[in-house]
Amino acid sequence: MKLKIIHTNDVHSNYENFARAATLIKELKDENTLILDGGDFADFKSIELQGTRGVAALELLQSTGYDALTIGNNEMFNGMDTLEHMATASPLPFISNNLLKKDGSDIQGLVKSVVLHKKDLRILVTGSSPDLDVFNDGLGIRVSDYAAMTKQEIENHAGMYDICILLSHVGTAADEELARMIPEIDVVISAHDHQLYAEAKFVNGTIMNSAGNYAEHIGVVELEVKNGKVELVRSATYLTKDTEMDSVVMDILKDNKAKALASLGKPLYDLPEPLWHDVIEENPLTNLIADGLRDMMQCHIGLINSGIANAGLFHNISRQKLIEICPSPLNPTSFEVQGKQLKKAFTQSLDAQACLSDGRGPGFRGKFVGRLHISGATVIHDGNHVLDILIDDESIKDERWYKVASSDYLQRGSGYPDLADNRNQVYMAEEIKDVIQLYANKPPFIEQAYKMRSERQVKHSGLSSPFS
């Protein structure tokens, strides 16, 4: 019997692209087609998802005819309550064979695998989620070894299927290793590292494919399953950009955006003073975030890049506005870093081109890296180099370790590589947008945010004149 698999992965809520992908999927599918997603379909940068607790994503998948998806890291990022809400409400299986709650109990609505049928063909579909290491605790999850759990699911379903498909959100390199370990897997749909295969490839007899990211492509794998053998007939990757958007998908997005705006657009409170924002220059919104992080995590220094925000805050604060200006699901993070690394990072930050460079990195949903902002210290510079960093009027020491409250983006060295040389990391489950929401409602922090923390010294005729 012939089986066609159409698949996507790492869509990351790029739903206009997905509307094009949906048109292609509907054109290509037939009665012997499975439509699968490898995870990170639901990225909560999306207003439509934030305002519907992810239900908008379910409607998009259902309208396009998907049969199953696995849980990627982004499906977890809005918290366990949202994940369970989505999984229990989903008309299609949410699959993860290695994901549990932190206490070891099952996540409501999730299944470890499912046996689907196309005519007389029995198809075992299982899926694996990524281990987020130090972030697991904050997200309320426990992640088991995905290789062991995949093997266990195959053994538990022995004699109950004709073909085994793994939806894997752990990365293509790990999947290749797994294919060598478990030859019973017939097909792996890979995700997480955004790899685009021009066509499917074989590893130890296992057929593997990955369709890039952002719904810019869809993958197609056509198989012949006969006498216990699975043969690859054809594979292809289709570009979506020149395809018309599916009207059903666009209507779903429109309806759910209206629902989301009604829910998220309600004012939380009024700002006593506007918090303007700039990518290159020091500004009160980013100062507020640095101050809030330092207070929240009780550190020597607060440190954040202005690229974390897209715009300033004025007048009414709503959850919608916070999502719009700070869409990145980045977490408050403390770590220790030496004074010399702080000086190097702030020297880099004096370069406008460095501030305007592409901020792309794990979890980052902005555009530019942005200027570094500090709390609890003053940065003295000459416009090109940092001359000193003062804490309580005392110069920081190059070799001393300072406890910094920041984000996991900067902790990884994204944007400012010198900060990656750190130790003793601690992560919180909240997001940076939550820091803004909390501290923008505290007048003393608003007032403090307007106090500039960088001081430029220009030497002229033997005199030094400071200005911000």
Protein backbone atom coordinates (compact mmCIF):
# COMPACT_ATOMS: atom_id res chain seq x y z
CA MET A 1 0.00 0.00 0.00
CA LYS A 2 1.13 3.56 -0.70
CA LEU A 3 1.40 6.14 2.10
CA LYS A 4 2.08 9.83 1.68
CA ILE A 5 3.39 11.86 4.62
CA ILE A 6 3.11 15.65 4.44
CA HIS A 7 4.89 17.37 7.28
CA THR A 8 5.88 20.69 8.83
CA ASN A 9 8.05 21.62 11.78
CA ASP A 10 9.14 24.73 13.69
CA VAL A 11 6.37 26.90 12.27
CA HIS A 12 6.79 29.21 15.30
CA SER A 13 3.40 30.85 14.72
CA ASN A 14 4.40 32.30 11.37
CA TYR A 15 0.80 31.85 10.38
CA GLU A 16 0.73 33.90 7.18
CA ASN A 17 3.36 31.50 5.84
CA PHE A 18 1.32 28.66 7.26
CA ALA A 19 -1.73 29.90 5.34
CA ARG A 20 0.31 29.36 2.18
CA ALA A 21 1.50 25.98 3.41
CA ALA A 22 -2.10 24.99 4.10
CA THR A 23 -3.03 25.69 0.48
CA LEU A 24 -0.24 23.38 -0.71
CA ILE A 25 -1.11 20.69 1.82
CA LYS A 26 -4.73 20.63 0.69
CA GLU A 27 -3.67 20.41 -2.94
CA LEU A 28 -1.22 17.56 -2.36
CA LYS A 29 -3.09 15.36 0.12
CA ASP A 30 -5.15 12.36 -0.92
CA GLU A 31 -6.97 9.55 0.88
CA ASN A 32 -3.68 7.84 1.76
CA THR A 33 -2.04 10.92 3.32
CA LEU A 34 -0.91 11.56 6.88
CA ILE A 35 -0.32 15.20 7.85
CA LEU A 36 2.09 15.60 10.76
CA ASP A 37 3.91 18.35 12.64
CA GLY A 38 7.23 18.00 14.44
CA GLY A 39 6.61 20.60 17.15
CA ASP A 40 6.99 24.33 17.83
CA PHE A 41 3.85 24.96 15.82
CA ALA A 42 2.46 27.03 18.71
CA ASP A 43 4.84 29.88 19.58
CA PHE A 44 3.27 32.16 22.17
CA LYS A 45 4.70 35.31 20.61
CA SER A 46 1.36 35.17 18.78
CA ILE A 47 -1.43 37.39 20.08
CA GLU A 48 -3.93 34.85 18.75
CA LEU A 49 -2.42 32.13 20.95
CA GLN A 50 -1.88 34.27 24.04
CA GLY A 51 -5.48 35.40 23.99
CA THR A 52 -7.03 31.96 23.40
CA ARG A 53 -4.69 29.82 25.52
CA GLY A 54 -3.45 28.16 22.37
CA VAL A 55 -6.86 27.14 20.99
CA ALA A 56 -6.26 29.16 17.81
CA ALA A 57 -3.40 26.79 16.94
CA LEU A 58 -5.69 23.78 17.36
CA GLU A 59 -8.23 25.28 14.98
CA LEU A 60 -5.54 25.90 12.37
CA LEU A 61 -4.26 22.33 12.59
CA GLN A 62 -7.74 20.85 12.44
CA SER A 63 -8.84 22.96 9.49
CA THR A 64 -5.82 21.81 7.48
CA GLY A 65 -6.39 18.15 8.25
CA TYR A 66 -3.45 17.35 10.54
CA ASP A 67 -3.39 13.91 12.10
CA ALA A 68 -0.92 14.46 14.96
CA LEU A 69 1.88 16.63 16.30
CA THR A 70 4.60 16.30 18.89
CA ILE A 71 5.38 18.72 21.69
CA GLY A 72 8.27 21.09 21.07
CA ASN A 73 9.76 23.48 23.59
CA ASN A 74 7.52 26.35 22.47
CA GLU A 75 4.36 24.44 23.27
CA MET A 76 5.67 24.37 26.87
CA PHE A 77 6.68 28.02 27.21
CA ASN A 78 3.29 29.40 28.26
CA GLY A 79 3.17 27.11 31.27
CA MET A 80 1.81 23.72 32.22
CA ASP A 81 -1.77 24.96 32.57
CA THR A 82 -1.81 26.17 28.97
CA LEU A 83 -0.19 22.98 27.66
CA GLU A 84 -2.77 20.83 29.44
CA HIS A 85 -5.57 23.09 28.23
CA MET A 86 -4.41 22.71 24.63
CA ALA A 87 -3.77 18.96 24.89
CA THR A 88 -7.16 18.16 26.43
CA ALA A 89 -9.01 20.43 23.97
CA SER A 90 -7.14 19.15 20.92
CA PRO A 91 -9.09 17.13 18.34
CA LEU A 92 -5.80 15.53 17.22
CA PRO A 93 -3.20 13.71 19.32
CA PHE A 94 -0.60 15.76 21.20
CA ILE A 95 2.28 13.28 21.40
CA SER A 96 5.32 13.09 23.68
CA ASN A 97 6.77 9.82 24.92
CA ASN A 98 9.28 11.44 27.30
CA LEU A 99 7.50 14.44 28.86
CA LEU A 100 6.00 14.40 32.37
CA LYS A 101 5.11 16.90 35.07
CA LYS A 102 7.88 17.81 37.49
CA ASP A 103 6.43 15.44 40.12
CA GLY A 104 6.50 12.54 37.66
CA SER A 105 2.76 12.47 36.98
CA ASP A 106 1.24 12.45 33.50
CA ILE A 107 0.41 15.65 31.65
CA GLN A 108 -3.33 15.67 31.00
CA GLY A 109 -4.22 15.20 27.36
CA LEU A 110 -0.77 14.05 26.20
CA VAL A 111 -0.30 10.60 24.73
CA LYS A 112 2.97 8.72 24.32
CA SER A 113 1.99 7.36 20.92
CA VAL A 114 -0.99 6.62 18.73
CA VAL A 115 -1.83 3.98 16.12
CA LEU A 116 -3.44 5.59 13.08
CA HIS A 117 -5.08 3.76 10.19
CA LYS A 118 -5.09 4.36 6.46
CA LYS A 119 -7.23 1.66 4.92
CA ASP A 120 -5.62 -1.57 6.14
CA LEU A 121 -2.31 0.05 7.09
CA ARG A 122 -1.57 0.44 10.81
CA ILE A 123 0.78 3.36 11.54
CA LEU A 124 2.46 3.76 14.92
CA VAL A 125 3.27 7.44 15.52
CA THR A 126 5.30 8.36 18.58
CA GLY A 127 7.08 11.58 19.38
CA SER A 128 9.80 13.02 21.60
CA SER A 129 10.30 16.42 23.22
CA PRO A 130 13.58 18.23 23.96
CA ASP A 131 15.29 18.21 27.34
CA LEU A 132 15.55 21.88 28.35
CA ASP A 133 17.98 21.06 31.14
CA VAL A 134 18.05 23.86 33.75
CA PHE A 135 14.78 25.30 32.43
CA ASN A 136 12.81 22.10 33.14
CA ASP A 137 12.16 22.92 36.78
CA GLY A 138 10.87 26.41 36.07
CA LEU A 139 8.53 25.07 33.41
CA GLY A 140 7.26 22.37 35.76
CA ILE A 141 8.37 19.45 33.60
CA ARG A 142 10.48 16.32 33.79
CA VAL A 143 12.06 14.97 30.61
CA SER A 144 13.04 11.32 30.29
CA ASP A 145 15.64 9.92 27.91
CA TYR A 146 13.97 10.07 24.52
CA ALA A 147 15.85 7.11 23.06
CA ALA A 148 14.81 4.82 25.91
CA MET A 149 11.21 5.99 25.78
CA THR A 150 11.00 5.61 22.00
CA LYS A 151 12.31 2.07 22.25
CA GLN A 152 9.81 1.33 25.01
CA GLU A 153 6.86 2.57 22.91
CA ILE A 154 7.95 0.39 20.01
CA GLU A 155 8.19 -2.65 22.28
CA ASN A 156 4.81 -1.87 23.89
CA HIS A 157 3.16 -1.88 20.45
CA ALA A 158 4.89 -4.93 19.01
CA GLY A 159 2.60 -6.69 16.53
CA MET A 160 0.15 -3.78 16.53
CA TYR A 161 1.55 -1.74 13.64
CA ASP A 162 2.94 -2.05 10.11
CA ILE A 163 5.08 1.09 10.01
CA CYS A 164 6.66 3.22 12.78
CA ILE A 165 7.01 7.00 12.48
CA LEU A 166 8.87 9.13 15.03
CA LEU A 167 8.10 12.85 15.32
CA SER A 168 11.25 14.12 16.97
CA HIS A 169 11.86 17.58 18.42
CA VAL A 170 15.38 16.93 19.66
CA GLY A 171 17.45 17.80 16.57
CA THR A 172 18.66 16.08 13.43
CA ALA A 173 22.09 14.99 14.74
CA ALA A 174 20.51 13.21 17.71
CA ASP A 175 17.94 11.65 15.39
CA GLU A 176 20.63 10.18 13.16
CA GLU A 177 22.25 8.60 16.20
CA LEU A 178 18.87 7.23 17.28
CA ALA A 179 18.27 5.69 13.84
CA ARG A 180 21.48 3.73 14.29
CA MET A 181 20.37 2.58 17.75
CA ILE A 182 16.76 1.61 16.93
CA PRO A 183 16.40 0.13 13.44
CA GLU A 184 12.69 -0.54 14.05
CA ILE A 185 11.96 3.14 13.34
CA ASP A 186 10.94 3.40 9.68
CA VAL A 187 10.59 7.18 9.35
CA VAL A 188 11.85 10.13 11.42
CA ILE A 189 10.40 13.60 10.97
CA SER A 190 13.05 15.81 12.56
CA ALA A 191 12.67 19.24 14.14
CA HIS A 192 14.11 21.69 16.66
CA ASP A 193 17.32 22.71 14.85
CA HIS A 194 15.47 24.07 11.78
CA GLN A 195 17.27 21.94 9.22
CA LEU A 196 15.95 21.92 5.66
CA TYR A 197 16.47 18.73 3.67
CA ALA A 198 16.15 19.07 -0.09
CA GLU A 199 14.96 15.48 -0.03
CA ALA A 200 14.71 12.64 2.45
CA LYS A 201 17.85 10.74 3.34
CA PHE A 202 18.64 7.31 4.74
CA VAL A 203 20.47 6.59 7.99
CA ASN A 204 20.85 2.88 8.79
CA GLY A 205 17.83 2.17 6.59
CA THR A 206 15.62 4.74 8.37
CA ILE A 207 14.05 7.42 6.18
CA MET A 208 14.66 10.92 7.61
CA ASN A 209 13.30 14.30 6.61
CA SER A 210 13.08 17.85 7.98
CA ALA A 211 11.26 20.84 6.47
CA GLY A 212 13.24 23.82 7.74
CA ASN A 213 11.23 26.37 9.71
CA TYR A 214 8.61 29.14 9.77
CA ALA A 215 6.35 27.26 7.28
CA GLU A 216 8.57 28.46 4.47
CA HIS A 217 8.56 24.86 3.21
CA ILE A 218 6.56 21.68 3.60
CA GLY A 219 8.03 18.19 3.31
CA VAL A 220 6.53 15.29 1.41
CA VAL A 221 7.57 11.64 1.74
CA GLU A 222 5.87 8.99 -0.39
CA LEU A 223 6.24 5.36 0.70
CA GLU A 224 5.34 1.86 -0.44
CA VAL A 225 4.57 -0.49 2.46
CA LYS A 226 4.46 -4.11 1.36
CA ASN A 227 5.24 -7.48 2.96
CA GLY A 228 6.65 -5.86 6.09
CA LYS A 229 9.02 -3.60 4.16
CA VAL A 230 8.91 0.18 3.82
CA GLU A 231 10.36 1.64 0.64
CA LEU A 232 10.85 5.29 -0.26
CA VAL A 233 9.14 6.01 -3.58
CA ARG A 234 9.64 9.76 -3.69
CA SER A 235 10.41 12.75 -1.49
CA ALA A 236 10.32 16.50 -2.04
CA THR A 237 10.42 19.83 -0.26
CA TYR A 238 8.01 22.50 -1.47
CA LEU A 239 8.61 26.25 -1.11
CA THR A 240 5.46 28.05 0.08
CA LYS A 241 6.17 31.73 -0.62
CA ASP A 242 4.55 31.89 -4.07
CA THR A 243 1.37 30.08 -3.00
CA GLU A 244 -1.88 31.87 -2.21
CA MET A 245 -2.99 32.01 1.41
CA ASP A 246 -5.71 29.59 2.42
CA SER A 247 -8.88 31.59 3.13
CA VAL A 248 -10.02 29.25 5.91
CA VAL A 249 -6.75 29.72 7.80
CA MET A 250 -6.96 33.49 7.39
CA ASP A 251 -10.54 33.54 8.68
CA ILE A 252 -9.52 31.50 11.73
CA LEU A 253 -6.69 33.93 12.44
CA LYS A 254 -9.00 36.92 12.05
CA ASP A 255 -11.65 35.47 14.38
CA ASN A 256 -9.13 34.47 17.04
CA LYS A 257 -7.32 37.79 16.89
CA ALA A 258 -10.61 39.52 17.66
CA LYS A 259 -11.15 37.17 20.62
CA ALA A 260 -7.58 37.69 21.81
CA LEU A 261 -7.75 41.47 21.61
CA ALA A 262 -10.97 41.49 23.59
CA SER A 263 -9.31 39.42 26.31
CA LEU A 264 -5.78 40.83 26.33
CA GLY A 265 -6.61 44.44 25.51
CA LYS A 266 -8.23 45.19 28.87
CA PRO A 267 -6.20 47.88 30.71
CA LEU A 268 -4.23 46.64 33.71
CA TYR A 269 -3.25 50.09 34.99
CA ASP A 270 -2.21 53.57 33.86
CA LEU A 271 1.42 54.64 33.65
CA PRO A 272 2.28 57.74 35.72
CA GLU A 273 4.97 58.59 33.17
CA PRO A 274 5.62 57.26 29.65
CA LEU A 275 8.55 54.89 29.27
CA TRP A 276 10.16 55.64 25.93
CA HIS A 277 12.52 53.22 24.21
CA ASP A 278 15.49 53.31 21.85
CA VAL A 279 17.72 50.60 20.39
CA ILE A 280 20.97 52.60 20.46
CA GLU A 281 20.55 55.14 23.28
CA GLU A 282 19.99 54.61 26.97
CA ASN A 283 16.27 54.79 27.69
CA PRO A 284 13.92 54.51 30.68
CA LEU A 285 12.04 51.37 29.58
CA THR A 286 15.19 49.27 29.39
CA ASN A 287 16.48 50.85 32.61
CA LEU A 288 13.22 49.82 34.30
CA ILE A 289 13.74 46.23 33.18
CA ALA A 290 17.32 46.24 34.49
CA ASP A 291 16.15 47.69 37.82
CA GLY A 292 13.29 45.19 38.08
CA LEU A 293 15.56 42.23 37.36
CA ARG A 294 18.08 43.38 39.96
CA ASP A 295 15.34 43.78 42.58
CA MET A 296 13.58 40.53 41.69
CA MET A 297 16.74 38.41 41.82
CA GLN A 298 18.62 40.38 44.50
CA CYS A 299 21.88 40.78 42.61
CA HIS A 300 24.77 43.25 42.59
CA ILE A 301 23.87 44.39 39.08
CA GLY A 302 20.90 44.32 36.71
CA LEU A 303 21.81 43.88 33.06
CA ILE A 304 19.63 43.78 29.93
CA ASN A 305 19.83 44.66 26.24
CA SER A 306 17.37 47.17 24.77
CA GLY A 307 16.59 44.79 21.89
CA ILE A 308 14.44 42.83 24.35
CA ALA A 309 11.74 45.44 23.66
CA ASN A 310 10.35 46.63 20.34
CA ALA A 311 8.86 49.94 21.46
CA GLY A 312 8.07 52.13 24.45
CA LEU A 313 5.08 52.12 26.81
CA PHE A 314 2.62 55.00 27.02
CA HIS A 315 -0.59 55.54 28.99
CA ASN A 316 -2.62 52.33 29.53
CA ILE A 317 -0.80 49.05 30.12
CA SER A 318 -2.48 45.88 28.91
CA ARG A 319 -1.28 42.34 28.43
CA GLN A 320 -1.68 42.84 24.68
CA LYS A 321 0.71 45.79 24.72
CA LEU A 322 3.27 43.85 26.77
CA ILE A 323 3.19 40.96 24.30
CA GLU A 324 3.56 43.37 21.37
CA ILE A 325 6.55 45.22 22.77
CA CYS A 326 8.23 42.23 24.43
CA PRO A 327 7.29 39.02 22.56
CA SER A 328 10.41 37.03 23.50
CA PRO A 329 9.73 34.16 25.96
CA LEU A 330 13.02 34.88 27.75
CA ASN A 331 13.39 34.34 31.46
CA PRO A 332 14.94 36.32 34.33
CA THR A 333 18.32 34.70 34.87
CA SER A 334 21.10 35.36 37.37
CA PHE A 335 24.72 34.40 36.88
CA GLU A 336 28.18 35.41 38.00
CA VAL A 337 30.53 37.16 35.59
CA GLN A 338 33.92 38.80 36.03
CA GLY A 339 34.40 42.56 35.89
CA LYS A 340 36.64 42.34 32.83
CA GLN A 341 33.88 40.59 30.85
CA LEU A 342 31.40 43.30 31.81
CA LYS A 343 33.81 45.97 30.56
CA LYS A 344 34.29 44.15 27.24
CA ALA A 345 30.54 43.74 26.74
CA PHE A 346 29.81 47.39 27.49
CA THR A 347 32.59 48.49 25.16
CA GLN A 348 30.94 46.47 22.39
CA SER A 349 27.64 48.12 23.31
CA LEU A 350 29.07 51.59 22.59
CA ASP A 351 29.20 50.68 18.89
CA ALA A 352 25.90 51.63 17.24
CA GLN A 353 26.43 48.95 14.58
CA ALA A 354 26.73 46.31 17.29
CA CYS A 355 23.44 47.53 18.78
CA LEU A 356 21.77 47.36 15.35
CA SER A 357 23.08 43.90 14.52
CA ASP A 358 20.69 40.98 14.09
CA GLY A 359 19.62 39.82 17.54
CA ARG A 360 18.69 36.32 16.43
CA GLY A 361 19.19 33.70 19.14
CA PRO A 362 17.29 31.02 21.09
CA GLY A 363 14.05 32.45 22.45
CA PHE A 364 14.63 35.91 20.95
CA ARG A 365 11.67 37.37 19.07
CA GLY A 366 12.97 40.90 18.45
CA LYS A 367 15.04 42.29 15.60
CA PHE A 368 18.10 44.11 16.99
CA VAL A 369 20.54 43.22 19.78
CA GLY A 370 20.26 46.69 21.28
CA ARG A 371 22.35 48.59 23.80
CA LEU A 372 23.27 47.11 27.17
CA HIS A 373 21.61 48.80 30.15
CA ILE A 374 22.73 48.47 33.76
CA SER A 375 21.22 48.80 37.22
CA GLY A 376 23.18 49.34 40.41
CA ALA A 377 26.24 50.75 38.66
CA THR A 378 27.49 53.59 36.48
CA VAL A 379 29.39 53.02 33.24
CA ILE A 380 32.08 55.61 32.46
CA HIS A 381 33.21 55.73 28.82
CA ASP A 382 34.79 57.96 26.18
CA GLY A 383 32.36 57.06 23.41
CA ASN A 384 34.48 54.19 22.13
CA HIS A 385 35.77 52.35 25.19
CA VAL A 386 34.61 51.74 28.75
CA LEU A 387 36.95 53.53 31.14
CA ASP A 388 35.38 52.26 34.35
CA ILE A 389 32.27 50.73 35.89
CA LEU A 390 31.41 52.03 39.34
CA ILE A 391 29.36 50.31 42.03
CA ASP A 392 28.76 52.66 44.97
CA ASP A 393 31.52 54.90 43.54
CA GLU A 394 33.99 52.03 43.68
CA SER A 395 35.62 50.67 40.52
CA ILE A 396 34.81 47.10 39.68
CA LYS A 397 37.73 44.68 39.72
CA ASP A 398 38.66 42.79 36.57
CA GLU A 399 39.06 39.41 38.26
CA ARG A 400 36.20 39.70 40.75
CA TRP A 401 32.98 37.79 40.08
CA TYR A 402 29.78 39.84 40.19
CA LYS A 403 26.28 38.46 40.55
CA VAL A 404 24.20 39.75 37.64
CA ALA A 405 20.42 39.66 37.12
CA SER A 406 19.73 39.40 33.41
CA SER A 407 18.07 37.15 30.82
CA ASP A 408 18.91 33.68 29.53
CA TYR A 409 19.62 35.35 26.16
CA LEU A 410 22.57 37.32 27.55
CA GLN A 411 23.60 34.44 29.83
CA ARG A 412 24.16 32.30 26.72
CA GLY A 413 26.32 35.06 25.21
CA SER A 414 23.80 35.87 22.48
CA GLY A 415 24.44 39.37 21.18
CA TYR A 416 27.30 39.92 23.64
CA PRO A 417 29.61 36.88 23.50
CA ASP A 418 31.87 38.05 26.36
CA LEU A 419 29.02 37.49 28.83
CA ALA A 420 28.96 33.75 28.00
CA ASP A 421 31.98 33.28 30.27
CA ASN A 422 29.85 32.96 33.42
CA ARG A 423 29.03 30.57 36.24
CA ASN A 424 26.33 29.65 38.81
CA GLN A 425 23.30 30.26 36.62
CA VAL A 426 19.82 30.45 38.19
CA TYR A 427 16.64 30.67 36.09
CA MET A 428 13.12 31.85 36.95
CA ALA A 429 9.90 30.71 35.27
CA GLU A 430 8.62 34.26 34.69
CA GLU A 431 9.30 36.10 31.44
CA ILE A 432 10.83 39.53 30.89
CA LYS A 433 7.39 40.92 29.96
CA ASP A 434 6.25 39.91 33.47
CA VAL A 435 9.09 41.99 34.93
CA ILE A 436 7.82 45.01 32.97
CA GLN A 437 4.23 44.42 34.10
CA LEU A 438 5.25 44.21 37.76
CA TYR A 439 7.68 47.12 37.99
CA ALA A 440 6.00 49.60 35.62
CA ASN A 441 3.24 49.76 38.26
CA LYS A 442 5.67 50.93 40.95
CA PRO A 443 6.19 54.75 40.91
CA PRO A 444 9.64 54.63 42.60
CA PHE A 445 10.90 52.35 39.83
CA ILE A 446 9.43 54.62 37.14
CA GLU A 447 11.22 57.59 38.69
CA GLN A 448 14.49 55.65 39.00
CA ALA A 449 14.29 54.54 35.35
CA TYR A 450 14.80 58.12 34.18
CA LYS A 451 18.15 58.35 35.96
CA MET A 452 20.82 57.63 33.35
CA ARG A 453 23.58 55.18 34.28
CA SER A 454 26.16 55.90 31.58
CA GLU A 455 28.50 58.86 31.65
CA ARG A 456 30.67 59.98 28.79
CA GLN A 457 33.91 61.80 29.56
CA VAL A 458 35.54 63.92 26.86
CA LYS A 459 39.00 65.25 27.46
CA HIS A 460 39.57 68.76 26.14
CA SER A 461 42.49 71.08 26.97
CA GLY A 462 43.38 68.92 29.90
CA LEU A 463 39.92 69.12 31.39
CA SER A 464 37.38 66.33 31.71
CA SER A 465 33.72 67.21 31.23
CA PRO A 466 31.12 64.53 31.98
CA PHE A 467 27.74 64.28 30.28
CA SER A 468 25.22 61.49 29.78
